[in-house]
Amino acid sequence: MSDDEAIAAEIVGQLARRAATSSICPSEVARALAREDGAWRVLMPQVRAVAARLRDAGQVRITRGGREIDPATLHTGAIRLARGPAF
């Protein structure tokens, strides 16, 4: 399994374990996959990139302040991940 596949599986898995209306923070995904303390921060850009691909596939919604956002703005600011229409 590639790193991107592991990240996608973790995103989907965390969303599946939550209520359908709940969301997760991408840092929860990075922290779950990090092998060392503090290493999760290095994973954040990759987690955001994988989330953008899952959004394009309709599996994930990416929100900021409760509103869906353009994936082009993912590099800055806090975001949340939620189940998409194809989840």
C-alpha atoms as a PDB file:
ATOM      1  CA  MET A   1       0.000   0.000   0.000  1.00  0.00           C
ATOM      2  CA  SER A   2       1.409   3.380  -0.962  1.00  0.00           C
ATOM      3  CA  ASP A   3       1.513   6.276   1.452  1.00  0.00           C
ATOM      4  CA  ASP A   4      -1.360   7.944  -0.429  1.00  0.00           C
ATOM      5  CA  GLU A   5      -3.414   4.749  -0.216  1.00  0.00           C
ATOM      6  CA  ALA A   6      -2.736   4.494   3.522  1.00  0.00           C
ATOM      7  CA  ILE A   7      -3.782   8.118   4.007  1.00  0.00           C
ATOM      8  CA  ALA A   8      -6.955   7.625   1.946  1.00  0.00           C
ATOM      9  CA  ALA A   9      -7.802   4.481   3.935  1.00  0.00           C
ATOM     10  CA  GLU A  10      -7.271   6.332   7.222  1.00  0.00           C
ATOM     11  CA  ILE A  11      -9.478   9.257   6.121  1.00  0.00           C
ATOM     12  CA  VAL A  12     -12.261   6.931   4.993  1.00  0.00           C
ATOM     13  CA  GLY A  13     -11.873   4.739   8.075  1.00  0.00           C
ATOM     14  CA  GLN A  14     -12.076   7.638  10.502  1.00  0.00           C
ATOM     15  CA  LEU A  15     -15.136   9.055   8.742  1.00  0.00           C
ATOM     16  CA  ALA A  16     -16.789   5.618   8.725  1.00  0.00           C
ATOM     17  CA  ARG A  17     -16.324   5.304  12.486  1.00  0.00           C
ATOM     18  CA  ARG A  18     -18.052   8.636  13.131  1.00  0.00           C
ATOM     19  CA  ALA A  19     -21.658   9.685  12.777  1.00  0.00           C
ATOM     20  CA  ALA A  20     -22.621  10.478   9.188  1.00  0.00           C
ATOM     21  CA  THR A  21     -22.924  14.167  10.076  1.00  0.00           C
ATOM     22  CA  SER A  22     -19.542  14.377  11.843  1.00  0.00           C
ATOM     23  CA  SER A  23     -16.270  15.647  10.444  1.00  0.00           C
ATOM     24  CA  ILE A  24     -12.610  15.083  11.193  1.00  0.00           C
ATOM     25  CA  CYS A  25      -9.546  17.290  11.272  1.00  0.00           C
ATOM     26  CA  PRO A  26      -6.812  16.287   8.818  1.00  0.00           C
ATOM     27  CA  SER A  27      -4.347  16.393  11.717  1.00  0.00           C
ATOM     28  CA  GLU A  28      -6.195  13.422  13.263  1.00  0.00           C
ATOM     29  CA  VAL A  29      -5.294  11.426  10.157  1.00  0.00           C
ATOM     30  CA  ALA A  30      -1.681  12.578  10.194  1.00  0.00           C
ATOM     31  CA  ARG A  31      -1.328  11.826  13.915  1.00  0.00           C
ATOM     32  CA  ALA A  32      -2.755   8.326  13.442  1.00  0.00           C
ATOM     33  CA  LEU A  33      -0.177   7.574  10.736  1.00  0.00           C
ATOM     34  CA  ALA A  34       2.897   9.292  12.213  1.00  0.00           C
ATOM     35  CA  ARG A  35       5.537   6.949  13.498  1.00  0.00           C
ATOM     36  CA  GLU A  36       7.185   9.470  15.834  1.00  0.00           C
ATOM     37  CA  ASP A  37       6.043  12.329  18.053  1.00  0.00           C
ATOM     38  CA  GLY A  38       5.829  15.517  16.033  1.00  0.00           C
ATOM     39  CA  ALA A  39       6.247  13.694  12.704  1.00  0.00           C
ATOM     40  CA  TRP A  40       2.574  14.203  11.907  1.00  0.00           C
ATOM     41  CA  ARG A  41       3.233  17.806  10.854  1.00  0.00           C
ATOM     42  CA  VAL A  42       5.357  16.606   7.939  1.00  0.00           C
ATOM     43  CA  LEU A  43       2.424  14.498   6.708  1.00  0.00           C
ATOM     44  CA  MET A  44      -0.069  17.377   6.628  1.00  0.00           C
ATOM     45  CA  PRO A  45       0.536  18.557   3.028  1.00  0.00           C
ATOM     46  CA  GLN A  46       0.169  14.981   1.789  1.00  0.00           C
ATOM     47  CA  VAL A  47      -3.004  14.435   3.851  1.00  0.00           C
ATOM     48  CA  ARG A  48      -4.497  17.600   2.343  1.00  0.00           C
ATOM     49  CA  ALA A  49      -3.532  16.490  -1.185  1.00  0.00           C
ATOM     50  CA  VAL A  50      -5.132  13.074  -0.707  1.00  0.00           C
ATOM     51  CA  ALA A  51      -8.238  14.726   0.752  1.00  0.00           C
ATOM     52  CA  ALA A  52      -8.468  16.895  -2.374  1.00  0.00           C
ATOM     53  CA  ARG A  53      -8.381  13.785  -4.577  1.00  0.00           C
ATOM     54  CA  LEU A  54     -11.068  12.132  -2.438  1.00  0.00           C
ATOM     55  CA  ARG A  55     -13.122  15.306  -2.817  1.00  0.00           C
ATOM     56  CA  ASP A  56     -12.754  15.130  -6.593  1.00  0.00           C
ATOM     57  CA  ALA A  57     -14.083  11.564  -6.398  1.00  0.00           C
ATOM     58  CA  GLY A  58     -17.047  12.723  -4.302  1.00  0.00           C
ATOM     59  CA  GLN A  59     -16.042  10.669  -1.263  1.00  0.00           C
ATOM     60  CA  VAL A  60     -15.115  13.620   0.951  1.00  0.00           C
ATOM     61  CA  ARG A  61     -16.340  17.161   1.498  1.00  0.00           C
ATOM     62  CA  ILE A  62     -13.757  19.732   2.570  1.00  0.00           C
ATOM     63  CA  THR A  63     -15.080  22.549   4.696  1.00  0.00           C
ATOM     64  CA  ARG A  64     -13.892  25.645   6.505  1.00  0.00           C
ATOM     65  CA  GLY A  65     -16.245  27.339   8.905  1.00  0.00           C
ATOM     66  CA  GLY A  66     -19.022  24.960   7.852  1.00  0.00           C
ATOM     67  CA  ARG A  67     -18.781  25.923   4.164  1.00  0.00           C
ATOM     68  CA  GLU A  68     -17.329  23.804   1.378  1.00  0.00           C
ATOM     69  CA  ILE A  69     -14.139  25.272   0.017  1.00  0.00           C
ATOM     70  CA  ASP A  70     -12.188  25.180  -3.211  1.00  0.00           C
ATOM     71  CA  PRO A  71      -9.362  22.615  -2.993  1.00  0.00           C
ATOM     72  CA  ALA A  72      -6.993  25.265  -4.385  1.00  0.00           C
ATOM     73  CA  THR A  73      -7.146  26.973  -0.975  1.00  0.00           C
ATOM     74  CA  LEU A  74      -6.140  23.875   0.995  1.00  0.00           C
ATOM     75  CA  HIS A  75      -2.574  24.982   1.623  1.00  0.00           C
ATOM     76  CA  THR A  76      -3.611  27.503   4.288  1.00  0.00           C
ATOM     77  CA  GLY A  77      -6.096  27.631   7.125  1.00  0.00           C
ATOM     78  CA  ALA A  78      -7.966  25.106   9.194  1.00  0.00           C
ATOM     79  CA  ILE A  79     -10.172  22.648   7.330  1.00  0.00           C
ATOM     80  CA  ARG A  80     -12.471  19.774   8.207  1.00  0.00           C
ATOM     81  CA  LEU A  81     -13.194  16.593   6.271  1.00  0.00           C
ATOM     82  CA  ALA A  82     -16.680  15.109   6.097  1.00  0.00           C
ATOM     83  CA  ARG A  83     -18.437  12.387   4.149  1.00  0.00           C
ATOM     84  CA  GLY A  84     -19.136  13.311   0.555  1.00  0.00           C
ATOM     85  CA  PRO A  85     -22.082  12.303  -1.620  1.00  0.00           C
ATOM     86  CA  ALA A  86     -20.245   9.214  -2.944  1.00  0.00           C
ATOM     87  CA  PHE A  87     -19.126   8.047   0.509  1.00  0.00           C
END
